[in-house]
Amino acid sequence: MDIDSLKCFSAAADTLNFRAASRRVALSPGAFSERIRRLEEELGTRLFDRTTRRAQLTDAGRRLLPHARQLLRDAERCREIAQDTAAIVPYELTIGTRFELGISWLAPSIAQLQEQAPERTIHLYMGDSPDLMARMQRGEIDAAVTSTRLTSGTVRYATLHNEDYAFVGTTQRVRGPNDVHDLTLIDVSSDLPLFRYLLDALPDASPWPFEKQMYMGGIAAIRYQVLEGVGVAVLPRYFIRDDLASGRMRELMPDQALREDAFRLVWRVPHPFEPELVKLAEELRAIPLK
């Protein structure tokens, strides 16, 4: 159903005379009648009862008329919007993040971000890193805040905040791998992505002989287990800042620097809102981690 046919239908409904209506839309009477015929054929019903001099709307034509005129108004509005270079166009972005960072940092930042760009609506999706990256590649989310290692050439990113780590426990004392035979290491998963920040900073990256390993799936659960005295772990410093300051946790091997990482806003390329994502990254960079 094309706009020009609806214009013909509206003109005919106004004049109830096909010849006068054809002049209004600058068509020959034959071309005008053909437009109406094709529209009726597409809709599967007659829109006009015609005589040689007059036309009358059928019941179907009367039902269609207000909707057709609304469509024509909307089409004209599309042209106005497209040509209005000063208009502020609303848009939405869905940002993925892991649960802990979403709760502690992104969710509390939504109001501030909304003030900075009222035309933008931000939705959050929370999941683990593999889930976030897969959803981003499928287009189910627009971008992800993550520190995961990036190996795909189909993504682009902007660095948000450096992320440094601490090797922590409660009452345990550790000076090196010889002191962990009776300790439990707590990490996200069996590939030890957090403890790797310590191992990769040492000249000898050999596995440490912990008595036991536990996998908690996320840093909030790891923090809880460490505070309960269950074991030791490497955790992001921003996430345990208060625990260290209060003495609930203590840093093990404080003189040993750990490998650092960074939070990044990552999006697939090409992306229709890439300039807006770059702007969002700049705004997030100005909000301290919590």
C-alpha atoms as a PDB file:
ATOM      1  CA  MET A   1       0.000   0.000   0.000  1.00  0.00           C
ATOM      2  CA  ASP A   2       1.788   3.135  -1.176  1.00  0.00           C
ATOM      3  CA  ILE A   3       1.416   6.697   0.066  1.00  0.00           C
ATOM      4  CA  ASP A   4       0.442   8.087  -3.360  1.00  0.00           C
ATOM      5  CA  SER A   5      -2.572   5.751  -3.562  1.00  0.00           C
ATOM      6  CA  LEU A   6      -3.689   6.874  -0.106  1.00  0.00           C
ATOM      7  CA  LYS A   7      -3.340  10.502  -1.243  1.00  0.00           C
ATOM      8  CA  CYS A   8      -5.617   9.711  -4.187  1.00  0.00           C
ATOM      9  CA  PHE A   9      -8.126   8.031  -1.891  1.00  0.00           C
ATOM     10  CA  SER A  10      -8.132  11.041   0.473  1.00  0.00           C
ATOM     11  CA  ALA A  11      -8.569  13.496  -2.399  1.00  0.00           C
ATOM     12  CA  ALA A  12     -11.473  11.480  -3.807  1.00  0.00           C
ATOM     13  CA  ALA A  13     -13.086  11.332  -0.353  1.00  0.00           C
ATOM     14  CA  ASP A  14     -12.816  15.138  -0.111  1.00  0.00           C
ATOM     15  CA  THR A  15     -14.245  15.950  -3.556  1.00  0.00           C
ATOM     16  CA  LEU A  16     -16.432  12.881  -4.207  1.00  0.00           C
ATOM     17  CA  ASN A  17     -15.515  13.528  -7.840  1.00  0.00           C
ATOM     18  CA  PHE A  18     -12.710  11.544  -9.469  1.00  0.00           C
ATOM     19  CA  ARG A  19     -12.016  14.168 -12.162  1.00  0.00           C
ATOM     20  CA  ALA A  20     -11.655  16.978  -9.620  1.00  0.00           C
ATOM     21  CA  ALA A  21      -9.612  14.739  -7.318  1.00  0.00           C
ATOM     22  CA  SER A  22      -7.258  13.764 -10.161  1.00  0.00           C
ATOM     23  CA  ARG A  23      -6.508  17.461 -10.824  1.00  0.00           C
ATOM     24  CA  ARG A  24      -5.704  17.937  -7.111  1.00  0.00           C
ATOM     25  CA  VAL A  25      -3.017  15.234  -7.200  1.00  0.00           C
ATOM     26  CA  ALA A  26      -1.790  16.122 -10.719  1.00  0.00           C
ATOM     27  CA  LEU A  27      -2.775  12.847 -12.394  1.00  0.00           C
ATOM     28  CA  SER A  28      -4.790  12.127 -15.515  1.00  0.00           C
ATOM     29  CA  PRO A  29      -8.310  10.829 -14.813  1.00  0.00           C
ATOM     30  CA  GLY A  30      -7.327   7.433 -16.187  1.00  0.00           C
ATOM     31  CA  ALA A  31      -4.217   7.173 -14.002  1.00  0.00           C
ATOM     32  CA  PHE A  32      -6.200   8.356 -10.992  1.00  0.00           C
ATOM     33  CA  SER A  33      -8.911   5.743 -11.505  1.00  0.00           C
ATOM     34  CA  GLU A  34      -6.248   3.061 -11.894  1.00  0.00           C
ATOM     35  CA  ARG A  35      -4.716   4.093  -8.532  1.00  0.00           C
ATOM     36  CA  ILE A  36      -8.067   3.722  -6.793  1.00  0.00           C
ATOM     37  CA  ARG A  37      -8.735   0.408  -8.544  1.00  0.00           C
ATOM     38  CA  ARG A  38      -5.374  -1.023  -7.402  1.00  0.00           C
ATOM     39  CA  LEU A  39      -5.949   0.171  -3.841  1.00  0.00           C
ATOM     40  CA  GLU A  40      -9.382  -1.466  -3.747  1.00  0.00           C
ATOM     41  CA  GLU A  41      -7.888  -4.632  -5.180  1.00  0.00           C
ATOM     42  CA  GLU A  42      -5.152  -4.689  -2.538  1.00  0.00           C
ATOM     43  CA  LEU A  43      -7.650  -4.135   0.276  1.00  0.00           C
ATOM     44  CA  GLY A  44     -10.116  -6.645  -1.157  1.00  0.00           C
ATOM     45  CA  THR A  45     -13.118  -4.320  -1.007  1.00  0.00           C
ATOM     46  CA  ARG A  46     -14.723  -1.368  -2.807  1.00  0.00           C
ATOM     47  CA  LEU A  47     -14.055   2.040  -1.312  1.00  0.00           C
ATOM     48  CA  PHE A  48     -16.410   4.053  -3.562  1.00  0.00           C
ATOM     49  CA  ASP A  49     -19.773   3.600  -5.252  1.00  0.00           C
ATOM     50  CA  ARG A  50     -19.429   5.559  -8.497  1.00  0.00           C
ATOM     51  CA  THR A  51     -21.752   7.049 -11.066  1.00  0.00           C
ATOM     52  CA  THR A  52     -20.707   8.994 -14.149  1.00  0.00           C
ATOM     53  CA  ARG A  53     -20.728  12.266 -12.191  1.00  0.00           C
ATOM     54  CA  ARG A  54     -20.364  11.474  -8.506  1.00  0.00           C
ATOM     55  CA  ALA A  55     -18.704   9.032  -6.145  1.00  0.00           C
ATOM     56  CA  GLN A  56     -19.834   8.002  -2.687  1.00  0.00           C
ATOM     57  CA  LEU A  57     -17.779   6.371   0.036  1.00  0.00           C
ATOM     58  CA  THR A  58     -18.779   2.843   0.890  1.00  0.00           C
ATOM     59  CA  ASP A  59     -18.883   1.699   4.509  1.00  0.00           C
ATOM     60  CA  ALA A  60     -15.374   0.299   4.007  1.00  0.00           C
ATOM     61  CA  GLY A  61     -14.203   3.655   2.627  1.00  0.00           C
ATOM     62  CA  ARG A  62     -15.636   5.506   5.625  1.00  0.00           C
ATOM     63  CA  ARG A  63     -13.844   3.113   7.990  1.00  0.00           C
ATOM     64  CA  LEU A  64     -10.559   3.519   6.142  1.00  0.00           C
ATOM     65  CA  LEU A  65     -10.611   7.301   5.778  1.00  0.00           C
ATOM     66  CA  PRO A  66      -9.464   8.401   9.272  1.00  0.00           C
ATOM     67  CA  HIS A  67      -6.687   5.819   9.303  1.00  0.00           C
ATOM     68  CA  ALA A  68      -5.523   6.786   5.813  1.00  0.00           C
ATOM     69  CA  ARG A  69      -5.387  10.447   6.766  1.00  0.00           C
ATOM     70  CA  GLN A  70      -3.421   9.622   9.918  1.00  0.00           C
ATOM     71  CA  LEU A  71      -0.933   7.659   7.824  1.00  0.00           C
ATOM     72  CA  LEU A  72      -0.564  10.626   5.476  1.00  0.00           C
ATOM     73  CA  ARG A  73       0.045  12.950   8.436  1.00  0.00           C
ATOM     74  CA  ASP A  74       2.624  10.515   9.816  1.00  0.00           C
ATOM     75  CA  ALA A  75       4.358  10.321   6.422  1.00  0.00           C
ATOM     76  CA  GLU A  76       4.581  14.101   6.259  1.00  0.00           C
ATOM     77  CA  ARG A  77       5.924  14.161   9.784  1.00  0.00           C
ATOM     78  CA  CYS A  78       8.642  11.690   8.735  1.00  0.00           C
ATOM     79  CA  ARG A  79       9.808  14.185   6.126  1.00  0.00           C
ATOM     80  CA  GLU A  80       9.824  17.029   8.651  1.00  0.00           C
ATOM     81  CA  ILE A  81      11.806  14.989  11.171  1.00  0.00           C
ATOM     82  CA  ALA A  82      14.328  13.838   8.584  1.00  0.00           C
ATOM     83  CA  GLN A  83      14.917  17.425   7.434  1.00  0.00           C
ATOM     84  CA  ASP A  84      15.086  18.921  10.937  1.00  0.00           C
ATOM     85  CA  THR A  85      18.801  18.777  11.664  1.00  0.00           C
ATOM     86  CA  ALA A  86      18.288  20.460  15.055  1.00  0.00           C
ATOM     87  CA  ALA A  87      15.792  17.894  16.348  1.00  0.00           C
ATOM     88  CA  ILE A  88      16.845  15.722  19.295  1.00  0.00           C
ATOM     89  CA  VAL A  89      15.977  12.124  18.455  1.00  0.00           C
ATOM     90  CA  PRO A  90      15.306   9.727  21.363  1.00  0.00           C
ATOM     91  CA  TYR A  91      17.107   6.400  21.323  1.00  0.00           C
ATOM     92  CA  GLU A  92      17.665   3.368  23.555  1.00  0.00           C
ATOM     93  CA  LEU A  93      20.782   1.383  24.453  1.00  0.00           C
ATOM     94  CA  THR A  94      20.941  -1.954  26.268  1.00  0.00           C
ATOM     95  CA  ILE A  95      24.210  -2.338  28.169  1.00  0.00           C
ATOM     96  CA  GLY A  96      25.317  -5.687  29.533  1.00  0.00           C
ATOM     97  CA  THR A  97      27.464  -6.108  32.615  1.00  0.00           C
ATOM     98  CA  ARG A  98      28.237  -8.670  35.262  1.00  0.00           C
ATOM     99  CA  PHE A  99      25.885  -8.636  38.228  1.00  0.00           C
ATOM    100  CA  GLU A 100      28.199  -7.159  40.868  1.00  0.00           C
ATOM    101  CA  LEU A 101      29.360  -4.245  38.728  1.00  0.00           C
ATOM    102  CA  GLY A 102      25.821  -3.594  37.571  1.00  0.00           C
ATOM    103  CA  ILE A 103      24.504  -3.347  41.118  1.00  0.00           C
ATOM    104  CA  SER A 104      27.408  -1.391  42.622  1.00  0.00           C
ATOM    105  CA  TRP A 105      28.221   1.008  39.774  1.00  0.00           C
ATOM    106  CA  LEU A 106      26.066   1.021  36.649  1.00  0.00           C
ATOM    107  CA  ALA A 107      22.600   0.915  38.195  1.00  0.00           C
ATOM    108  CA  PRO A 108      23.355   3.815  40.611  1.00  0.00           C
ATOM    109  CA  SER A 109      24.750   5.808  37.656  1.00  0.00           C
ATOM    110  CA  ILE A 110      21.589   5.613  35.519  1.00  0.00           C
ATOM    111  CA  ALA A 111      20.015   8.799  36.921  1.00  0.00           C
ATOM    112  CA  GLN A 112      23.178  10.834  36.289  1.00  0.00           C
ATOM    113  CA  LEU A 113      23.502   9.446  32.775  1.00  0.00           C
ATOM    114  CA  GLN A 114      19.855  10.289  32.095  1.00  0.00           C
ATOM    115  CA  GLU A 115      20.430  13.904  33.145  1.00  0.00           C
ATOM    116  CA  GLN A 116      23.375  14.175  30.778  1.00  0.00           C
ATOM    117  CA  ALA A 117      21.406  12.861  27.797  1.00  0.00           C
ATOM    118  CA  PRO A 118      17.619  13.034  28.367  1.00  0.00           C
ATOM    119  CA  GLU A 119      16.959  11.675  24.872  1.00  0.00           C
ATOM    120  CA  ARG A 120      18.769   8.428  25.761  1.00  0.00           C
ATOM    121  CA  THR A 121      17.213   5.508  27.628  1.00  0.00           C
ATOM    122  CA  ILE A 122      19.648   2.958  29.065  1.00  0.00           C
ATOM    123  CA  HIS A 123      18.573  -0.602  29.827  1.00  0.00           C
ATOM    124  CA  LEU A 124      20.782  -3.027  31.755  1.00  0.00           C
ATOM    125  CA  TYR A 125      21.279  -6.738  31.212  1.00  0.00           C
ATOM    126  CA  MET A 126      23.360  -8.731  33.697  1.00  0.00           C
ATOM    127  CA  GLY A 127      25.204 -11.961  33.007  1.00  0.00           C
ATOM    128  CA  ASP A 128      28.637 -13.546  32.977  1.00  0.00           C
ATOM    129  CA  SER A 129      31.277 -12.534  30.438  1.00  0.00           C
ATOM    130  CA  PRO A 130      30.702 -15.342  27.868  1.00  0.00           C
ATOM    131  CA  ASP A 131      26.961 -14.666  27.915  1.00  0.00           C
ATOM    132  CA  LEU A 132      27.482 -10.915  27.516  1.00  0.00           C
ATOM    133  CA  MET A 133      29.865 -11.289  24.583  1.00  0.00           C
ATOM    134  CA  ALA A 134      27.612 -13.798  22.817  1.00  0.00           C
ATOM    135  CA  ARG A 135      24.538 -11.582  23.217  1.00  0.00           C
ATOM    136  CA  MET A 136      26.469  -8.559  21.998  1.00  0.00           C
ATOM    137  CA  GLN A 137      27.594 -10.388  18.855  1.00  0.00           C
ATOM    138  CA  ARG A 138      24.004 -11.517  18.190  1.00  0.00           C
ATOM    139  CA  GLY A 139      22.743  -7.962  18.582  1.00  0.00           C
ATOM    140  CA  GLU A 140      20.626  -8.736  21.651  1.00  0.00           C
ATOM    141  CA  ILE A 141      22.492  -6.084  23.651  1.00  0.00           C
ATOM    142  CA  ASP A 142      24.228  -3.020  22.231  1.00  0.00           C
ATOM    143  CA  ALA A 143      27.407  -3.127  24.307  1.00  0.00           C
ATOM    144  CA  ALA A 144      28.989  -4.756  27.340  1.00  0.00           C
ATOM    145  CA  VAL A 145      31.053  -3.412  30.219  1.00  0.00           C
ATOM    146  CA  THR A 146      33.656  -6.096  30.767  1.00  0.00           C
ATOM    147  CA  SER A 147      37.309  -6.731  31.531  1.00  0.00           C
ATOM    148  CA  THR A 148      37.365  -9.995  29.588  1.00  0.00           C
ATOM    149  CA  ARG A 149      40.197 -10.477  27.116  1.00  0.00           C
ATOM    150  CA  LEU A 150      39.156  -9.466  23.601  1.00  0.00           C
ATOM    151  CA  THR A 151      40.196 -11.717  20.731  1.00  0.00           C
ATOM    152  CA  SER A 152      37.568 -10.911  18.099  1.00  0.00           C
ATOM    153  CA  GLY A 153      38.262  -8.478  15.295  1.00  0.00           C
ATOM    154  CA  THR A 154      34.562  -7.675  15.001  1.00  0.00           C
ATOM    155  CA  VAL A 155      34.393  -5.545  18.143  1.00  0.00           C
ATOM    156  CA  ARG A 156      35.512  -2.073  19.134  1.00  0.00           C
ATOM    157  CA  TYR A 157      35.993  -0.774  22.660  1.00  0.00           C
ATOM    158  CA  ALA A 158      36.711   2.243  24.825  1.00  0.00           C
ATOM    159  CA  THR A 159      38.614   1.897  28.090  1.00  0.00           C
ATOM    160  CA  LEU A 160      36.610   3.076  31.113  1.00  0.00           C
ATOM    161  CA  HIS A 161      38.602   2.394  34.290  1.00  0.00           C
ATOM    162  CA  ASN A 162      41.757   0.561  35.233  1.00  0.00           C
ATOM    163  CA  GLU A 163      41.041  -2.412  37.455  1.00  0.00           C
ATOM    164  CA  ASP A 164      43.669  -3.424  40.010  1.00  0.00           C
ATOM    165  CA  TYR A 165      43.509  -6.498  42.220  1.00  0.00           C
ATOM    166  CA  ALA A 166      44.515  -7.645  45.689  1.00  0.00           C
ATOM    167  CA  PHE A 167      45.336 -11.100  47.030  1.00  0.00           C
ATOM    168  CA  VAL A 168      43.298 -11.239  50.244  1.00  0.00           C
ATOM    169  CA  GLY A 169      42.245 -13.339  53.190  1.00  0.00           C
ATOM    170  CA  THR A 170      41.321 -12.783  56.822  1.00  0.00           C
ATOM    171  CA  THR A 171      43.747 -14.343  59.298  1.00  0.00           C
ATOM    172  CA  GLN A 172      45.829 -16.368  56.819  1.00  0.00           C
ATOM    173  CA  ARG A 173      49.504 -15.569  56.308  1.00  0.00           C
ATOM    174  CA  VAL A 174      50.997 -16.196  52.890  1.00  0.00           C
ATOM    175  CA  ARG A 175      54.457 -15.274  51.660  1.00  0.00           C
ATOM    176  CA  GLY A 176      54.513 -17.591  48.664  1.00  0.00           C
ATOM    177  CA  PRO A 177      53.441 -20.979  47.286  1.00  0.00           C
ATOM    178  CA  ASN A 178      55.032 -22.890  50.176  1.00  0.00           C
ATOM    179  CA  ASP A 179      52.464 -21.386  52.591  1.00  0.00           C
ATOM    180  CA  VAL A 180      49.242 -22.544  50.895  1.00  0.00           C
ATOM    181  CA  HIS A 181      49.273 -26.335  51.400  1.00  0.00           C
ATOM    182  CA  ASP A 182      46.473 -26.119  53.976  1.00  0.00           C
ATOM    183  CA  LEU A 183      44.503 -23.271  52.353  1.00  0.00           C
ATOM    184  CA  THR A 184      41.500 -23.093  50.022  1.00  0.00           C
ATOM    185  CA  LEU A 185      41.687 -20.924  46.910  1.00  0.00           C
ATOM    186  CA  ILE A 186      38.348 -19.382  45.924  1.00  0.00           C
ATOM    187  CA  ASP A 187      37.854 -18.234  42.341  1.00  0.00           C
ATOM    188  CA  VAL A 188      35.187 -17.760  39.684  1.00  0.00           C
ATOM    189  CA  SER A 189      35.804 -20.996  37.790  1.00  0.00           C
ATOM    190  CA  SER A 190      38.281 -23.839  37.337  1.00  0.00           C
ATOM    191  CA  ASP A 191      40.501 -21.847  34.961  1.00  0.00           C
ATOM    192  CA  LEU A 192      41.206 -19.455  37.882  1.00  0.00           C
ATOM    193  CA  PRO A 193      40.716 -16.168  36.025  1.00  0.00           C
ATOM    194  CA  LEU A 194      41.200 -14.066  39.181  1.00  0.00           C
ATOM    195  CA  PHE A 195      44.181 -15.889  40.672  1.00  0.00           C
ATOM    196  CA  ARG A 196      45.807 -15.565  37.255  1.00  0.00           C
ATOM    197  CA  TYR A 197      46.324 -11.845  37.994  1.00  0.00           C
ATOM    198  CA  LEU A 198      48.768 -12.924  40.709  1.00  0.00           C
ATOM    199  CA  LEU A 199      50.368 -15.819  38.832  1.00  0.00           C
ATOM    200  CA  ASP A 200      50.969 -13.747  35.707  1.00  0.00           C
ATOM    201  CA  ALA A 201      52.806 -11.123  37.779  1.00  0.00           C
ATOM    202  CA  LEU A 202      55.325 -13.657  39.134  1.00  0.00           C
ATOM    203  CA  PRO A 203      58.494 -14.790  37.363  1.00  0.00           C
ATOM    204  CA  ASP A 204      57.429 -18.400  37.972  1.00  0.00           C
ATOM    205  CA  ALA A 205      53.797 -18.980  36.957  1.00  0.00           C
ATOM    206  CA  SER A 206      53.701 -22.590  38.172  1.00  0.00           C
ATOM    207  CA  PRO A 207      50.442 -23.693  39.866  1.00  0.00           C
ATOM    208  CA  TRP A 208      50.312 -23.189  43.620  1.00  0.00           C
ATOM    209  CA  PRO A 209      49.673 -26.308  45.744  1.00  0.00           C
ATOM    210  CA  PHE A 210      46.466 -25.274  47.481  1.00  0.00           C
ATOM    211  CA  GLU A 211      44.765 -27.963  49.534  1.00  0.00           C
ATOM    212  CA  LYS A 212      41.451 -27.211  47.889  1.00  0.00           C
ATOM    213  CA  GLN A 213      39.820 -24.983  45.267  1.00  0.00           C
ATOM    214  CA  MET A 214      36.278 -23.595  45.305  1.00  0.00           C
ATOM    215  CA  TYR A 215      34.443 -21.935  42.412  1.00  0.00           C
ATOM    216  CA  MET A 216      31.777 -19.355  43.211  1.00  0.00           C
ATOM    217  CA  GLY A 217      30.841 -17.984  39.768  1.00  0.00           C
ATOM    218  CA  GLY A 218      31.046 -14.322  40.803  1.00  0.00           C
ATOM    219  CA  ILE A 219      33.006 -11.901  42.973  1.00  0.00           C
ATOM    220  CA  ALA A 220      30.168 -11.200  45.418  1.00  0.00           C
ATOM    221  CA  ALA A 221      30.019 -14.879  46.419  1.00  0.00           C
ATOM    222  CA  ILE A 222      33.818 -15.052  46.584  1.00  0.00           C
ATOM    223  CA  ARG A 223      33.935 -12.022  48.884  1.00  0.00           C
ATOM    224  CA  TYR A 224      31.389 -13.634  51.197  1.00  0.00           C
ATOM    225  CA  GLN A 225      33.415 -16.833  51.482  1.00  0.00           C
ATOM    226  CA  VAL A 226      36.642 -14.916  52.150  1.00  0.00           C
ATOM    227  CA  LEU A 227      34.960 -12.865  54.896  1.00  0.00           C
ATOM    228  CA  GLU A 228      33.717 -16.130  56.418  1.00  0.00           C
ATOM    229  CA  GLY A 229      37.314 -17.312  56.624  1.00  0.00           C
ATOM    230  CA  VAL A 230      36.758 -20.170  54.170  1.00  0.00           C
ATOM    231  CA  GLY A 231      39.764 -19.357  52.014  1.00  0.00           C
ATOM    232  CA  VAL A 232      41.820 -16.805  50.135  1.00  0.00           C
ATOM    233  CA  ALA A 233      41.196 -15.118  46.781  1.00  0.00           C
ATOM    234  CA  VAL A 234      42.230 -12.445  44.350  1.00  0.00           C
ATOM    235  CA  LEU A 235      39.517  -9.779  44.124  1.00  0.00           C
ATOM    236  CA  PRO A 236      39.117  -6.373  42.432  1.00  0.00           C
ATOM    237  CA  ARG A 237      40.346  -3.734  44.835  1.00  0.00           C
ATOM    238  CA  TYR A 238      37.388  -1.380  44.211  1.00  0.00           C
ATOM    239  CA  PHE A 239      35.002  -4.130  45.325  1.00  0.00           C
ATOM    240  CA  ILE A 240      36.714  -4.759  48.684  1.00  0.00           C
ATOM    241  CA  ARG A 241      37.975  -1.251  49.469  1.00  0.00           C
ATOM    242  CA  ASP A 242      35.797  -0.934  52.580  1.00  0.00           C
ATOM    243  CA  ASP A 243      36.694  -4.460  53.756  1.00  0.00           C
ATOM    244  CA  LEU A 244      40.403  -3.638  53.610  1.00  0.00           C
ATOM    245  CA  ALA A 245      39.956  -0.256  55.277  1.00  0.00           C
ATOM    246  CA  SER A 246      37.931  -1.764  58.143  1.00  0.00           C
ATOM    247  CA  GLY A 247      40.276  -4.701  58.647  1.00  0.00           C
ATOM    248  CA  ARG A 248      37.629  -7.304  57.819  1.00  0.00           C
ATOM    249  CA  MET A 249      40.045  -8.442  55.118  1.00  0.00           C
ATOM    250  CA  ARG A 250      43.782  -8.154  54.948  1.00  0.00           C
ATOM    251  CA  GLU A 251      46.024  -8.073  51.928  1.00  0.00           C
ATOM    252  CA  LEU A 252      48.326 -11.070  51.580  1.00  0.00           C
ATOM    253  CA  MET A 253      51.768 -10.485  50.087  1.00  0.00           C
ATOM    254  CA  PRO A 254      51.166  -6.697  50.051  1.00  0.00           C
ATOM    255  CA  ASP A 255      54.559  -5.966  48.493  1.00  0.00           C
ATOM    256  CA  GLN A 256      53.793  -8.113  45.445  1.00  0.00           C
ATOM    257  CA  ALA A 257      52.216  -6.086  42.628  1.00  0.00           C
ATOM    258  CA  LEU A 258      49.501  -7.960  40.727  1.00  0.00           C
ATOM    259  CA  ARG A 259      48.785  -7.732  37.052  1.00  0.00           C
ATOM    260  CA  GLU A 260      46.271  -4.987  36.237  1.00  0.00           C
ATOM    261  CA  ASP A 261      43.376  -4.996  33.816  1.00  0.00           C
ATOM    262  CA  ALA A 262      40.730  -2.519  32.682  1.00  0.00           C
ATOM    263  CA  PHE A 263      36.990  -2.251  32.329  1.00  0.00           C
ATOM    264  CA  ARG A 264      35.991  -1.524  28.748  1.00  0.00           C
ATOM    265  CA  LEU A 265      32.786  -0.643  26.972  1.00  0.00           C
ATOM    266  CA  VAL A 266      32.734  -3.113  24.078  1.00  0.00           C
ATOM    267  CA  TRP A 267      30.425  -3.062  21.048  1.00  0.00           C
ATOM    268  CA  ARG A 268      30.176  -4.921  17.761  1.00  0.00           C
ATOM    269  CA  VAL A 269      31.071  -3.282  14.470  1.00  0.00           C
ATOM    270  CA  PRO A 270      29.399  -1.953  12.553  1.00  0.00           C
ATOM    271  CA  HIS A 271      26.922  -0.453  15.060  1.00  0.00           C
ATOM    272  CA  PRO A 272      24.306   2.177  14.143  1.00  0.00           C
ATOM    273  CA  PHE A 273      24.861   4.046  17.418  1.00  0.00           C
ATOM    274  CA  GLU A 274      28.648   3.971  17.574  1.00  0.00           C
ATOM    275  CA  PRO A 275      29.004   7.768  18.133  1.00  0.00           C
ATOM    276  CA  GLU A 276      26.494   7.515  20.979  1.00  0.00           C
ATOM    277  CA  LEU A 277      28.424   4.587  22.508  1.00  0.00           C
ATOM    278  CA  VAL A 278      31.657   6.581  22.371  1.00  0.00           C
ATOM    279  CA  LYS A 279      29.865   9.435  24.154  1.00  0.00           C
ATOM    280  CA  LEU A 280      28.505   7.027  26.772  1.00  0.00           C
ATOM    281  CA  ALA A 281      32.018   5.708  27.376  1.00  0.00           C
ATOM    282  CA  GLU A 282      33.257   9.244  28.029  1.00  0.00           C
ATOM    283  CA  GLU A 283      30.473   9.778  30.575  1.00  0.00           C
ATOM    284  CA  LEU A 284      31.121   6.448  32.305  1.00  0.00           C
ATOM    285  CA  ARG A 285      34.821   7.231  32.503  1.00  0.00           C
ATOM    286  CA  ALA A 286      33.972  10.269  34.626  1.00  0.00           C
ATOM    287  CA  ILE A 287      31.973   8.224  37.173  1.00  0.00           C
ATOM    288  CA  PRO A 288      34.226   6.565  39.811  1.00  0.00           C
ATOM    289  CA  LEU A 289      33.949   2.829  40.333  1.00  0.00           C
ATOM    290  CA  LYS A 290      31.973   1.746  43.373  1.00  0.00           C
END
